[in-house]
PDB file of N, CA and C in Angstrom:
ATOM      1  N   UNK A   1     -46.122  59.999  24.066  1.00  0.00           N
ATOM      2  CA  UNK A   1     -45.644  61.913  22.761  1.00  0.00           C
ATOM      3  C   UNK A   1     -46.947  63.060  23.758  1.00  0.00           C
ATOM      4  N   UNK A   2     -47.603  62.483  23.583  1.00  0.00           N
ATOM      5  CA  UNK A   2     -49.069  63.611  24.376  1.00  0.00           C
ATOM      6  C   UNK A   2     -48.408  65.214  25.810  1.00  0.00           C
ATOM      7  N   UNK A   3     -47.507  64.046  26.924  1.00  0.00           N
ATOM      8  CA  UNK A   3     -47.272  64.852  27.837  1.00  0.00           C
ATOM      9  C   UNK A   3     -46.412  65.798  27.143  1.00  0.00           C
ATOM     10  N   UNK A   4     -45.213  65.386  26.031  1.00  0.00           N
ATOM     11  CA  UNK A   4     -44.163  66.091  25.835  1.00  0.00           C
ATOM     12  C   UNK A   4     -44.785  67.094  25.017  1.00  0.00           C
ATOM     13  N   UNK A   5     -45.237  67.057  23.714  1.00  0.00           N
ATOM     14  CA  UNK A   5     -46.235  68.133  23.462  1.00  0.00           C
ATOM     15  C   UNK A   5     -46.543  68.792  23.851  1.00  0.00           C
ATOM     16  N   UNK A   6     -47.506  68.285  25.195  1.00  0.00           N
ATOM     17  CA  UNK A   6     -48.149  69.150  26.225  1.00  0.00           C
ATOM     18  C   UNK A   6     -46.826  69.931  26.677  1.00  0.00           C
ATOM     19  N   UNK A   7     -45.520  70.053  27.211  1.00  0.00           N
ATOM     20  CA  UNK A   7     -45.270  70.328  28.227  1.00  0.00           C
ATOM     21  C   UNK A   7     -44.332  71.182  26.992  1.00  0.00           C
ATOM     22  N   UNK A   8     -44.294  71.254  26.131  1.00  0.00           N
ATOM     23  CA  UNK A   8     -43.402  72.265  25.158  1.00  0.00           C
ATOM     24  C   UNK A   8     -44.353  72.988  24.565  1.00  0.00           C
ATOM     25  N   UNK A   9     -45.219  72.794  24.386  1.00  0.00           N
ATOM     26  CA  UNK A   9     -46.807  73.521  24.470  1.00  0.00           C
ATOM     27  C   UNK A   9     -46.651  74.823  24.802  1.00  0.00           C
ATOM     28  N   UNK A  10     -46.752  74.460  26.400  1.00  0.00           N
ATOM     29  CA  UNK A  10     -46.767  75.414  27.218  1.00  0.00           C
ATOM     30  C   UNK A  10     -45.545  76.546  26.975  1.00  0.00           C
ATOM     31  N   UNK A  11     -44.214  76.441  26.591  1.00  0.00           N
ATOM     32  CA  UNK A  11     -42.924  76.700  26.559  1.00  0.00           C
ATOM     33  C   UNK A  11     -43.469  77.699  25.522  1.00  0.00           C
ATOM     34  N   UNK A  12     -44.563  77.549  24.669  1.00  0.00           N
ATOM     35  CA  UNK A  12     -44.326  78.490  23.387  1.00  0.00           C
ATOM     36  C   UNK A  12     -45.578  79.889  23.888  1.00  0.00           C
ATOM     37  N   UNK A  13     -46.901  79.369  25.027  1.00  0.00           N
ATOM     38  CA  UNK A  13     -48.048  79.203  25.648  1.00  0.00           C
ATOM     39  C   UNK A  13     -47.531  80.900  25.284  1.00  0.00           C
ATOM     40  N   UNK A  14     -48.437  81.662  24.075  1.00  0.00           N
ATOM     41  CA  UNK A  14     -48.068  83.390  23.766  1.00  0.00           C
ATOM     42  C   UNK A  14     -47.896  83.729  22.698  1.00  0.00           C
ATOM     43  N   UNK A  15     -47.116  83.455  22.241  1.00  0.00           N
ATOM     44  CA  UNK A  15     -46.019  82.887  20.507  1.00  0.00           C
ATOM     45  C   UNK A  15     -46.703  82.256  20.061  1.00  0.00           C
ATOM     46  N   UNK A  16     -47.295  80.890  20.098  1.00  0.00           N
ATOM     47  CA  UNK A  16     -47.566  79.712  19.092  1.00  0.00           C
ATOM     48  C   UNK A  16     -49.222  79.441  19.657  1.00  0.00           C
ATOM     49  N   UNK A  17     -49.861  78.910  18.838  1.00  0.00           N
ATOM     50  CA  UNK A  17     -51.048  78.447  18.901  1.00  0.00           C
ATOM     51  C   UNK A  17     -50.834  77.174  19.125  1.00  0.00           C
ATOM     52  N   UNK A  18     -51.609  76.391  19.698  1.00  0.00           N
ATOM     53  CA  UNK A  18     -51.887  75.170  19.497  1.00  0.00           C
ATOM     54  C   UNK A  18     -53.502  74.576  19.521  1.00  0.00           C
ATOM     55  N   UNK A  19     -53.508  73.627  18.850  1.00  0.00           N
ATOM     56  CA  UNK A  19     -54.580  73.288  19.003  1.00  0.00           C
ATOM     57  C   UNK A  19     -54.176  71.223  18.840  1.00  0.00           C
ATOM     58  N   UNK A  20     -54.948  71.125  19.775  1.00  0.00           N
ATOM     59  CA  UNK A  20     -54.764  69.017  18.914  1.00  0.00           C
ATOM     60  C   UNK A  20     -56.237  68.901  18.765  1.00  0.00           C
ATOM     61  N   UNK A  21     -56.349  67.500  17.694  1.00  0.00           N
ATOM     62  CA  UNK A  21     -57.395  67.278  16.839  1.00  0.00           C
ATOM     63  C   UNK A  21     -57.152  66.123  16.869  1.00  0.00           C
ATOM     64  N   UNK A  22     -58.322  65.294  17.985  1.00  0.00           N
ATOM     65  CA  UNK A  22     -58.558  63.946  17.519  1.00  0.00           C
ATOM     66  C   UNK A  22     -58.992  62.993  16.382  1.00  0.00           C
ATOM     67  N   UNK A  23     -58.343  62.758  16.141  1.00  0.00           N
ATOM     68  CA  UNK A  23     -58.794  62.384  14.286  1.00  0.00           C
ATOM     69  C   UNK A  23     -59.460  61.796  14.197  1.00  0.00           C
ATOM     70  N   UNK A  24     -60.049  60.816  15.027  1.00  0.00           N
ATOM     71  CA  UNK A  24     -61.684  60.269  14.981  1.00  0.00           C
ATOM     72  C   UNK A  24     -62.918  60.647  15.652  1.00  0.00           C
ATOM     73  N   UNK A  25     -62.733  61.544  16.190  1.00  0.00           N
ATOM     74  CA  UNK A  25     -63.777  61.952  16.703  1.00  0.00           C
ATOM     75  C   UNK A  25     -63.993  63.698  16.016  1.00  0.00           C
ATOM     76  N   UNK A  26     -62.663  64.070  14.617  1.00  0.00           N
ATOM     77  CA  UNK A  26     -63.061  65.126  14.114  1.00  0.00           C
ATOM     78  C   UNK A  26     -62.123  64.640  12.317  1.00  0.00           C
ATOM     79  N   UNK A  27     -63.088  63.903  11.743  1.00  0.00           N
ATOM     80  CA  UNK A  27     -62.097  63.000  10.490  1.00  0.00           C
ATOM     81  C   UNK A  27     -62.121  64.075   9.607  1.00  0.00           C
ATOM     82  N   UNK A  28     -62.876  65.002   9.803  1.00  0.00           N
ATOM     83  CA  UNK A  28     -62.687  66.116   8.503  1.00  0.00           C
ATOM     84  C   UNK A  28     -61.718  66.629   8.904  1.00  0.00           C
ATOM     85  N   UNK A  29     -61.577  67.282  10.097  1.00  0.00           N
ATOM     86  CA  UNK A  29     -60.424  68.426  10.021  1.00  0.00           C
ATOM     87  C   UNK A  29     -59.702  67.073   9.388  1.00  0.00           C
ATOM     88  N   UNK A  30     -59.021  66.305  10.533  1.00  0.00           N
ATOM     89  CA  UNK A  30     -57.195  65.457   9.559  1.00  0.00           C
ATOM     90  C   UNK A  30     -57.881  65.192   8.656  1.00  0.00           C
ATOM     91  N   UNK A  31     -58.801  64.960   7.377  1.00  0.00           N
ATOM     92  CA  UNK A  31     -58.878  65.047   6.400  1.00  0.00           C
ATOM     93  C   UNK A  31     -58.588  65.938   5.506  1.00  0.00           C
ATOM     94  N   UNK A  32     -58.915  67.557   5.678  1.00  0.00           N
ATOM     95  CA  UNK A  32     -58.907  68.681   5.406  1.00  0.00           C
ATOM     96  C   UNK A  32     -57.356  68.867   5.619  1.00  0.00           C
ATOM     97  N   UNK A  33     -56.261  68.411   6.993  1.00  0.00           N
ATOM     98  CA  UNK A  33     -54.509  68.134   6.295  1.00  0.00           C
ATOM     99  C   UNK A  33     -54.254  66.998   5.707  1.00  0.00           C
ATOM    100  N   UNK A  34     -54.925  66.781   5.369  1.00  0.00           N
ATOM    101  CA  UNK A  34     -54.273  65.233   4.550  1.00  0.00           C
ATOM    102  C   UNK A  34     -53.502  64.430   5.616  1.00  0.00           C
ATOM    103  N   UNK A  35     -53.686  64.284   7.036  1.00  0.00           N
ATOM    104  CA  UNK A  35     -53.293  63.573   8.093  1.00  0.00           C
ATOM    105  C   UNK A  35     -53.621  61.471   7.478  1.00  0.00           C
ATOM    106  N   UNK A  36     -52.796  61.178   6.936  1.00  0.00           N
ATOM    107  CA  UNK A  36     -52.269  59.950   6.984  1.00  0.00           C
ATOM    108  C   UNK A  36     -51.773  58.652   8.276  1.00  0.00           C
ATOM    109  N   UNK A  37     -52.264  59.490   9.095  1.00  0.00           N
ATOM    110  CA  UNK A  37     -50.797  59.167  10.308  1.00  0.00           C
ATOM    111  C   UNK A  37     -51.437  59.618  11.746  1.00  0.00           C
ATOM    112  N   UNK A  38     -50.892  58.708  12.481  1.00  0.00           N
ATOM    113  CA  UNK A  38     -50.559  59.382  13.893  1.00  0.00           C
ATOM    114  C   UNK A  38     -49.347  59.092  14.494  1.00  0.00           C
ATOM    115  N   UNK A  39     -48.677  60.007  15.810  1.00  0.00           N
ATOM    116  CA  UNK A  39     -49.519  61.556  15.511  1.00  0.00           C
ATOM    117  C   UNK A  39     -48.803  62.080  14.403  1.00  0.00           C
ATOM    118  N   UNK A  40     -49.546  62.835  14.494  1.00  0.00           N
ATOM    119  CA  UNK A  40     -48.867  64.209  12.544  1.00  0.00           C
ATOM    120  C   UNK A  40     -48.600  65.224  13.823  1.00  0.00           C
ATOM    121  N   UNK A  41     -47.839  66.533  13.603  1.00  0.00           N
ATOM    122  CA  UNK A  41     -47.352  67.949  14.242  1.00  0.00           C
ATOM    123  C   UNK A  41     -47.772  68.540  12.824  1.00  0.00           C
ATOM    124  N   UNK A  42     -48.185  69.340  12.598  1.00  0.00           N
ATOM    125  CA  UNK A  42     -47.840  70.281  11.797  1.00  0.00           C
ATOM    126  C   UNK A  42     -47.393  72.226  11.851  1.00  0.00           C
ATOM    127  N   UNK A  43     -46.808  72.321  11.477  1.00  0.00           N
ATOM    128  CA  UNK A  43     -46.458  74.007  12.170  1.00  0.00           C
ATOM    129  C   UNK A  43     -47.053  74.931  10.645  1.00  0.00           C
ATOM    130  N   UNK A  44     -48.155  76.089  11.292  1.00  0.00           N
ATOM    131  CA  UNK A  44     -48.823  76.773  10.247  1.00  0.00           C
ATOM    132  C   UNK A  44     -47.832  78.324  10.440  1.00  0.00           C
ATOM    133  N   UNK A  45     -46.959  78.538   9.491  1.00  0.00           N
ATOM    134  CA  UNK A  45     -47.461  80.122   9.692  1.00  0.00           C
ATOM    135  C   UNK A  45     -47.390  80.892   8.737  1.00  0.00           C
ATOM    136  N   UNK A  46     -48.716  81.626   9.299  1.00  0.00           N
ATOM    137  CA  UNK A  46     -49.754  82.650   8.205  1.00  0.00           C
ATOM    138  C   UNK A  46     -50.212  81.670   7.208  1.00  0.00           C
ATOM    139  N   UNK A  47     -50.796  81.227   7.970  1.00  0.00           N
ATOM    140  CA  UNK A  47     -51.825  80.547   6.846  1.00  0.00           C
ATOM    141  C   UNK A  47     -50.778  79.038   6.271  1.00  0.00           C
ATOM    142  N   UNK A  48     -49.368  78.687   6.315  1.00  0.00           N
ATOM    143  CA  UNK A  48     -49.393  77.991   5.564  1.00  0.00           C
ATOM    144  C   UNK A  48     -47.867  76.671   6.340  1.00  0.00           C
ATOM    145  N   UNK A  49     -48.339  75.747   5.756  1.00  0.00           N
ATOM    146  CA  UNK A  49     -47.650  74.347   6.288  1.00  0.00           C
ATOM    147  C   UNK A  49     -45.962  75.030   6.354  1.00  0.00           C
ATOM    148  N   UNK A  50     -44.953  74.981   7.081  1.00  0.00           N
ATOM    149  CA  UNK A  50     -44.340  75.137   7.141  1.00  0.00           C
ATOM    150  C   UNK A  50     -42.810  74.068   7.613  1.00  0.00           C
ATOM    151  N   UNK A  51     -43.995  72.705   8.419  1.00  0.00           N
ATOM    152  CA  UNK A  51     -42.931  71.912   9.088  1.00  0.00           C
ATOM    153  C   UNK A  51     -44.610  70.361   9.339  1.00  0.00           C
ATOM    154  N   UNK A  52     -44.235  68.923   8.980  1.00  0.00           N
ATOM    155  CA  UNK A  52     -45.345  68.478   9.103  1.00  0.00           C
ATOM    156  C   UNK A  52     -44.025  67.328   9.198  1.00  0.00           C
ATOM    157  N   UNK A  53     -44.613  66.652  10.831  1.00  0.00           N
ATOM    158  CA  UNK A  53     -43.750  65.240  11.134  1.00  0.00           C
ATOM    159  C   UNK A  53     -44.359  64.187  11.287  1.00  0.00           C
ATOM    160  N   UNK A  54     -44.076  63.269  11.131  1.00  0.00           N
ATOM    161  CA  UNK A  54     -45.187  62.044  10.717  1.00  0.00           C
ATOM    162  C   UNK A  54     -44.861  61.091  11.866  1.00  0.00           C
ATOM    163  N   UNK A  55     -45.508  60.074  13.347  1.00  0.00           N
ATOM    164  CA  UNK A  55     -45.024  59.484  13.715  1.00  0.00           C
ATOM    165  C   UNK A  55     -43.991  59.581  15.321  1.00  0.00           C
ATOM    166  N   UNK A  56     -43.470  59.223  16.776  1.00  0.00           N
ATOM    167  CA  UNK A  56     -43.233  59.312  17.438  1.00  0.00           C
ATOM    168  C   UNK A  56     -41.970  60.280  17.171  1.00  0.00           C
ATOM    169  N   UNK A  57     -42.017  60.645  17.425  1.00  0.00           N
ATOM    170  CA  UNK A  57     -40.094  61.928  17.516  1.00  0.00           C
ATOM    171  C   UNK A  57     -39.626  62.516  18.845  1.00  0.00           C
ATOM    172  N   UNK A  58     -38.457  63.257  18.464  1.00  0.00           N
ATOM    173  CA  UNK A  58     -37.762  63.236  19.778  1.00  0.00           C
ATOM    174  C   UNK A  58     -38.281  64.782  20.527  1.00  0.00           C
ATOM    175  N   UNK A  59     -37.204  65.291  21.872  1.00  0.00           N
ATOM    176  CA  UNK A  59     -38.135  66.010  22.585  1.00  0.00           C
ATOM    177  C   UNK A  59     -37.943  67.683  21.082  1.00  0.00           C
ATOM    178  N   UNK A  60     -36.353  67.506  20.821  1.00  0.00           N
ATOM    179  CA  UNK A  60     -35.819  68.307  20.201  1.00  0.00           C
ATOM    180  C   UNK A  60     -36.650  68.445  18.634  1.00  0.00           C
ATOM    181  N   UNK A  61     -36.792  67.308  17.696  1.00  0.00           N
ATOM    182  CA  UNK A  61     -37.729  67.618  16.745  1.00  0.00           C
ATOM    183  C   UNK A  61     -39.453  67.823  17.034  1.00  0.00           C
ATOM    184  N   UNK A  62     -40.077  67.855  18.087  1.00  0.00           N
ATOM    185  CA  UNK A  62     -40.938  67.928  18.413  1.00  0.00           C
ATOM    186  C   UNK A  62     -41.105  69.907  19.011  1.00  0.00           C
ATOM    187  N   UNK A  63     -39.739  70.427  19.187  1.00  0.00           N
ATOM    188  CA  UNK A  63     -39.639  71.403  19.508  1.00  0.00           C
ATOM    189  C   UNK A  63     -39.389  72.530  18.153  1.00  0.00           C
ATOM    190  N   UNK A  64     -38.539  71.375  16.931  1.00  0.00           N
ATOM    191  CA  UNK A  64     -38.807  72.482  16.020  1.00  0.00           C
ATOM    192  C   UNK A  64     -39.761  72.327  15.406  1.00  0.00           C
ATOM    193  N   UNK A  65     -40.624  71.593  15.340  1.00  0.00           N
ATOM    194  CA  UNK A  65     -41.965  72.019  15.020  1.00  0.00           C
ATOM    195  C   UNK A  65     -42.928  73.637  15.807  1.00  0.00           C
ATOM    196  N   UNK A  66     -42.241  73.681  16.832  1.00  0.00           N
ATOM    197  CA  UNK A  66     -42.957  74.856  17.399  1.00  0.00           C
ATOM    198  C   UNK A  66     -42.282  76.327  16.911  1.00  0.00           C
ATOM    199  N   UNK A  67     -40.795  75.762  17.013  1.00  0.00           N
ATOM    200  CA  UNK A  67     -40.344  76.706  16.814  1.00  0.00           C
ATOM    201  C   UNK A  67     -40.574  77.346  15.188  1.00  0.00           C
ATOM    202  N   UNK A  68     -40.640  76.080  13.895  1.00  0.00           N
ATOM    203  CA  UNK A  68     -41.086  76.635  12.466  1.00  0.00           C
ATOM    204  C   UNK A  68     -42.300  77.152  12.524  1.00  0.00           C
ATOM    205  N   UNK A  69     -43.365  77.197  14.002  1.00  0.00           N
ATOM    206  CA  UNK A  69     -44.660  77.938  14.094  1.00  0.00           C
ATOM    207  C   UNK A  69     -44.580  79.492  14.444  1.00  0.00           C
ATOM    208  N   UNK A  70     -43.707  79.646  14.954  1.00  0.00           N
ATOM    209  CA  UNK A  70     -43.226  80.917  15.541  1.00  0.00           C
ATOM    210  C   UNK A  70     -42.449  81.435  14.621  1.00  0.00           C
ATOM    211  N   UNK A  71     -41.403  80.790  13.525  1.00  0.00           N
ATOM    212  CA  UNK A  71     -40.471  81.695  12.769  1.00  0.00           C
ATOM    213  C   UNK A  71     -40.763  81.358  11.274  1.00  0.00           C
ATOM    214  N   UNK A  72     -41.218  80.924  10.817  1.00  0.00           N
ATOM    215  CA  UNK A  72     -42.263  80.165   9.879  1.00  0.00           C
ATOM    216  C   UNK A  72     -41.223  80.047   8.888  1.00  0.00           C
ATOM    217  N   UNK A  73     -39.821  78.773   9.180  1.00  0.00           N
ATOM    218  CA  UNK A  73     -39.074  78.774   8.428  1.00  0.00           C
ATOM    219  C   UNK A  73     -38.764  77.217   9.248  1.00  0.00           C
ATOM    220  N   UNK A  74     -39.205  75.825   8.003  1.00  0.00           N
ATOM    221  CA  UNK A  74     -39.291  74.505   8.526  1.00  0.00           C
ATOM    222  C   UNK A  74     -37.042  74.318   8.998  1.00  0.00           C
ATOM    223  N   UNK A  75     -37.119  73.333  10.036  1.00  0.00           N
ATOM    224  CA  UNK A  75     -36.000  73.454  10.424  1.00  0.00           C
ATOM    225  C   UNK A  75     -34.925  72.559   9.317  1.00  0.00           C
ATOM    226  N   UNK A  76     -33.671  72.503  10.528  1.00  0.00           N
ATOM    227  CA  UNK A  76     -32.599  71.809   9.080  1.00  0.00           C
ATOM    228  C   UNK A  76     -32.188  70.497   9.827  1.00  0.00           C
ATOM    229  N   UNK A  77     -31.403  69.370   8.939  1.00  0.00           N
ATOM    230  CA  UNK A  77     -31.469  68.162   8.951  1.00  0.00           C
ATOM    231  C   UNK A  77     -33.037  67.608  10.029  1.00  0.00           C
ATOM    232  N   UNK A  78     -33.916  67.626   8.645  1.00  0.00           N
ATOM    233  CA  UNK A  78     -35.118  66.866   8.981  1.00  0.00           C
ATOM    234  C   UNK A  78     -34.941  65.247   8.234  1.00  0.00           C
ATOM    235  N   UNK A  79     -33.801  64.676   7.779  1.00  0.00           N
ATOM    236  CA  UNK A  79     -33.789  63.143   7.607  1.00  0.00           C
ATOM    237  C   UNK A  79     -33.116  62.750   9.052  1.00  0.00           C
ATOM    238  N   UNK A  80     -33.736  61.731   9.198  1.00  0.00           N
ATOM    239  CA  UNK A  80     -33.562  61.045   9.994  1.00  0.00           C
ATOM    240  C   UNK A  80     -32.020  60.290   9.948  1.00  0.00           C
ATOM    241  N   UNK A  81     -30.722  60.024  10.724  1.00  0.00           N
ATOM    242  CA  UNK A  81     -29.156  59.286  11.067  1.00  0.00           C
ATOM    243  C   UNK A  81     -29.655  58.197   9.557  1.00  0.00           C
ATOM    244  N   UNK A  82     -30.820  57.488  10.561  1.00  0.00           N
ATOM    245  CA  UNK A  82     -30.680  56.604   9.388  1.00  0.00           C
ATOM    246  C   UNK A  82     -30.956  56.994   7.808  1.00  0.00           C
ATOM    247  N   UNK A  83     -31.871  57.304   7.280  1.00  0.00           N
ATOM    248  CA  UNK A  83     -31.947  58.256   6.138  1.00  0.00           C
ATOM    249  C   UNK A  83     -31.073  58.329   5.490  1.00  0.00           C
ATOM    250  N   UNK A  84     -29.970  59.308   5.941  1.00  0.00           N
ATOM    251  CA  UNK A  84     -28.734  60.028   5.827  1.00  0.00           C
ATOM    252  C   UNK A  84     -28.093  58.615   5.903  1.00  0.00           C
ATOM    253  N   UNK A  85     -27.514  57.741   6.478  1.00  0.00           N
ATOM    254  CA  UNK A  85     -26.496  56.555   6.098  1.00  0.00           C
ATOM    255  C   UNK A  85     -27.547  55.764   6.002  1.00  0.00           C
ATOM    256  N   UNK A  86     -27.924  56.279   4.600  1.00  0.00           N
ATOM    257  CA  UNK A  86     -28.526  55.210   3.820  1.00  0.00           C
ATOM    258  C   UNK A  86     -28.341  55.497   2.272  1.00  0.00           C
ATOM    259  N   UNK A  87     -29.105  56.562   2.665  1.00  0.00           N
ATOM    260  CA  UNK A  87     -28.500  57.720   1.712  1.00  0.00           C
ATOM    261  C   UNK A  87     -27.048  57.487   0.934  1.00  0.00           C
ATOM    262  N   UNK A  88     -26.694  57.616   1.801  1.00  0.00           N
ATOM    263  CA  UNK A  88     -24.881  57.883   1.668  1.00  0.00           C
ATOM    264  C   UNK A  88     -23.899  56.346   1.269  1.00  0.00           C
ATOM    265  N   UNK A  89     -24.361  55.671   1.556  1.00  0.00           N
ATOM    266  CA  UNK A  89     -24.379  54.290   1.297  1.00  0.00           C
ATOM    267  C   UNK A  89     -24.644  54.012  -0.023  1.00  0.00           C
ATOM    268  N   UNK A  90     -25.731  54.668  -0.526  1.00  0.00           N
ATOM    269  CA  UNK A  90     -26.196  54.262  -2.306  1.00  0.00           C
ATOM    270  C   UNK A  90     -24.347  55.033  -2.642  1.00  0.00           C
ATOM    271  N   UNK A  91     -25.060  56.144  -2.055  1.00  0.00           N
ATOM    272  CA  UNK A  91     -23.758  57.134  -3.060  1.00  0.00           C
ATOM    273  C   UNK A  91     -22.392  56.126  -2.946  1.00  0.00           C
ATOM    274  N   UNK A  92     -22.089  56.078  -1.409  1.00  0.00           N
ATOM    275  CA  UNK A  92     -20.750  55.235  -2.031  1.00  0.00           C
ATOM    276  C   UNK A  92     -21.062  53.908  -2.586  1.00  0.00           C
ATOM    277  N   UNK A  93     -21.773  52.856  -2.823  1.00  0.00           N
ATOM    278  CA  UNK A  93     -21.548  51.741  -3.824  1.00  0.00           C
ATOM    279  C   UNK A  93     -22.002  52.492  -5.370  1.00  0.00           C
ATOM    280  N   UNK A  94     -22.295  53.937  -5.704  1.00  0.00           N
ATOM    281  CA  UNK A  94     -22.015  54.324  -6.821  1.00  0.00           C
ATOM    282  C   UNK A  94     -20.257  55.101  -6.966  1.00  0.00           C
ATOM    283  N   UNK A  95     -19.752  55.399  -6.493  1.00  0.00           N
ATOM    284  CA  UNK A  95     -18.438  55.901  -6.359  1.00  0.00           C
ATOM    285  C   UNK A  95     -17.419  55.074  -5.918  1.00  0.00           C
ATOM    286  N   UNK A  96     -18.041  53.791  -5.396  1.00  0.00           N
ATOM    287  CA  UNK A  96     -17.100  52.624  -5.973  1.00  0.00           C
ATOM    288  C   UNK A  96     -17.515  51.810  -7.718  1.00  0.00           C
ATOM    289  N   UNK A  97     -17.870  51.575  -7.477  1.00  0.00           N
ATOM    290  CA  UNK A  97     -18.057  50.724  -8.654  1.00  0.00           C
ATOM    291  C   UNK A  97     -17.846  52.289  -9.761  1.00  0.00           C
ATOM    292  N   UNK A  98     -17.806  53.363  -9.264  1.00  0.00           N
ATOM    293  CA  UNK A  98     -17.012  54.177 -10.572  1.00  0.00           C
ATOM    294  C   UNK A  98     -16.251  53.846 -10.898  1.00  0.00           C
ATOM    295  N   UNK A  99     -15.519  53.550  -9.946  1.00  0.00           N
ATOM    296  CA  UNK A  99     -13.722  53.597  -9.357  1.00  0.00           C
ATOM    297  C   UNK A  99     -13.983  52.539  -9.922  1.00  0.00           C
ATOM    298  N   UNK A 100     -14.329  51.090 -10.419  1.00  0.00           N
ATOM    299  CA  UNK A 100     -14.109  50.202 -10.782  1.00  0.00           C
ATOM    300  C   UNK A 100     -14.250  49.683 -12.111  1.00  0.00           C
ATOM    301  N   UNK A 101     -15.049  50.621 -12.499  1.00  0.00           N
ATOM    302  CA  UNK A 101     -15.652  50.658 -14.210  1.00  0.00           C
ATOM    303  C   UNK A 101     -15.308  51.789 -15.245  1.00  0.00           C
ATOM    304  N   UNK A 102     -14.619  52.672 -14.170  1.00  0.00           N
ATOM    305  CA  UNK A 102     -14.064  54.118 -14.349  1.00  0.00           C
ATOM    306  C   UNK A 102     -15.634  54.733 -15.983  1.00  0.00           C
ATOM    307  N   UNK A 103     -16.743  54.208 -15.681  1.00  0.00           N
ATOM    308  CA  UNK A 103     -17.600  55.370 -16.186  1.00  0.00           C
ATOM    309  C   UNK A 103     -17.870  56.290 -15.446  1.00  0.00           C
ATOM    310  N   UNK A 104     -18.708  56.990 -15.982  1.00  0.00           N
ATOM    311  CA  UNK A 104     -18.547  58.622 -16.048  1.00  0.00           C
ATOM    312  C   UNK A 104     -20.254  58.713 -15.650  1.00  0.00           C
ATOM    313  N   UNK A 105     -21.054  57.743 -15.932  1.00  0.00           N
ATOM    314  CA  UNK A 105     -22.441  57.509 -15.231  1.00  0.00           C
ATOM    315  C   UNK A 105     -22.891  57.553 -14.273  1.00  0.00           C
ATOM    316  N   UNK A 106     -21.897  56.188 -13.653  1.00  0.00           N
ATOM    317  CA  UNK A 106     -21.910  56.622 -12.221  1.00  0.00           C
ATOM    318  C   UNK A 106     -21.361  57.536 -10.700  1.00  0.00           C
ATOM    319  N   UNK A 107     -20.006  57.881 -11.810  1.00  0.00           N
ATOM    320  CA  UNK A 107     -19.538  59.160 -11.313  1.00  0.00           C
ATOM    321  C   UNK A 107     -21.134  60.383 -10.691  1.00  0.00           C
ATOM    322  N   UNK A 108     -21.317  60.469 -12.087  1.00  0.00           N
ATOM    323  CA  UNK A 108     -22.828  61.155 -11.521  1.00  0.00           C
ATOM    324  C   UNK A 108     -23.922  60.826 -11.001  1.00  0.00           C
ATOM    325  N   UNK A 109     -24.098  59.466 -10.358  1.00  0.00           N
ATOM    326  CA  UNK A 109     -24.568  59.012  -9.672  1.00  0.00           C
ATOM    327  C   UNK A 109     -24.485  59.254  -8.824  1.00  0.00           C
ATOM    328  N   UNK A 110     -23.553  58.904  -8.422  1.00  0.00           N
ATOM    329  CA  UNK A 110     -22.583  58.816  -6.676  1.00  0.00           C
ATOM    330  C   UNK A 110     -22.680  60.440  -6.680  1.00  0.00           C
ATOM    331  N   UNK A 111     -22.455  61.302  -7.612  1.00  0.00           N
ATOM    332  CA  UNK A 111     -22.375  62.364  -6.710  1.00  0.00           C
ATOM    333  C   UNK A 111     -24.240  63.410  -6.833  1.00  0.00           C
ATOM    334  N   UNK A 112     -24.430  62.723  -7.094  1.00  0.00           N
ATOM    335  CA  UNK A 112     -26.089  62.928  -6.869  1.00  0.00           C
ATOM    336  C   UNK A 112     -26.853  62.669  -5.972  1.00  0.00           C
ATOM    337  N   UNK A 113     -26.647  61.369  -5.619  1.00  0.00           N
ATOM    338  CA  UNK A 113     -26.726  59.904  -4.107  1.00  0.00           C
ATOM    339  C   UNK A 113     -26.137  60.683  -3.093  1.00  0.00           C
ATOM    340  N   UNK A 114     -25.081  62.070  -2.953  1.00  0.00           N
ATOM    341  CA  UNK A 114     -25.154  61.887  -2.475  1.00  0.00           C
ATOM    342  C   UNK A 114     -25.348  63.496  -2.195  1.00  0.00           C
ATOM    343  N   UNK A 115     -26.044  64.700  -2.843  1.00  0.00           N
ATOM    344  CA  UNK A 115     -26.230  65.219  -2.875  1.00  0.00           C
ATOM    345  C   UNK A 115     -27.374  65.637  -2.815  1.00  0.00           C
ATOM    346  N   UNK A 116     -28.422  64.254  -2.431  1.00  0.00           N
ATOM    347  CA  UNK A 116     -29.918  63.492  -2.026  1.00  0.00           C
ATOM    348  C   UNK A 116     -29.506  63.614  -0.433  1.00  0.00           C
ATOM    349  N   UNK A 117     -28.221  62.999  -0.417  1.00  0.00           N
ATOM    350  CA  UNK A 117     -28.746  63.131   1.251  1.00  0.00           C
ATOM    351  C   UNK A 117     -28.259  63.983   2.074  1.00  0.00           C
ATOM    352  N   UNK A 118     -27.783  65.130   1.640  1.00  0.00           N
ATOM    353  CA  UNK A 118     -27.303  66.226   2.342  1.00  0.00           C
ATOM    354  C   UNK A 118     -27.301  66.977   2.389  1.00  0.00           C
ATOM    355  N   UNK A 119     -28.754  67.188   1.522  1.00  0.00           N
ATOM    356  CA  UNK A 119     -29.044  68.791   1.007  1.00  0.00           C
ATOM    357  C   UNK A 119     -30.007  69.022   1.221  1.00  0.00           C
ATOM    358  N   UNK A 120     -30.297  68.942   2.634  1.00  0.00           N
ATOM    359  CA  UNK A 120     -31.501  68.714   3.727  1.00  0.00           C
ATOM    360  C   UNK A 120     -30.461  69.773   4.608  1.00  0.00           C
ATOM    361  N   UNK A 121     -29.281  69.244   4.658  1.00  0.00           N
ATOM    362  CA  UNK A 121     -28.392  70.104   5.782  1.00  0.00           C
ATOM    363  C   UNK A 121     -28.280  71.979   4.984  1.00  0.00           C
ATOM    364  N   UNK A 122     -28.639  72.341   3.309  1.00  0.00           N
ATOM    365  CA  UNK A 122     -28.010  73.271   3.142  1.00  0.00           C
ATOM    366  C   UNK A 122     -29.299  74.343   2.271  1.00  0.00           C
ATOM    367  N   UNK A 123     -30.376  73.682   2.849  1.00  0.00           N
ATOM    368  CA  UNK A 123     -31.432  74.140   1.736  1.00  0.00           C
ATOM    369  C   UNK A 123     -31.831  75.385   1.821  1.00  0.00           C
ATOM    370  N   UNK A 124     -30.991  75.862   3.539  1.00  0.00           N
ATOM    371  CA  UNK A 124     -31.290  77.386   3.629  1.00  0.00           C
ATOM    372  C   UNK A 124     -30.805  78.498   3.288  1.00  0.00           C
TER     373      UNK A 124
END
């Protein structure tokens, strides 16, 4: 992932500052930014964290981190496809149970689970 990050960082050179921190060599810095896993990419805009990703990511997700630092806006669609499918699956189970039982509480749970699955797409 390092070559990809470095390549994308070069494309943002002069517009976004980039600093690589080795959490073993600089544990205080990692701890001060609440780094729990590696790799962790954190975007700052005007001193505030606007985007944080942990683990291996696609090129477009890494570019989103740099774009967030540039614009100050976290990216849309932060859920992975698997997360979204699982959340929509839960919503579907609640909806089916609501149809079969006619219970209002299950319709409410289905609506809530659907909103939970799709909220990151409309929150901006």
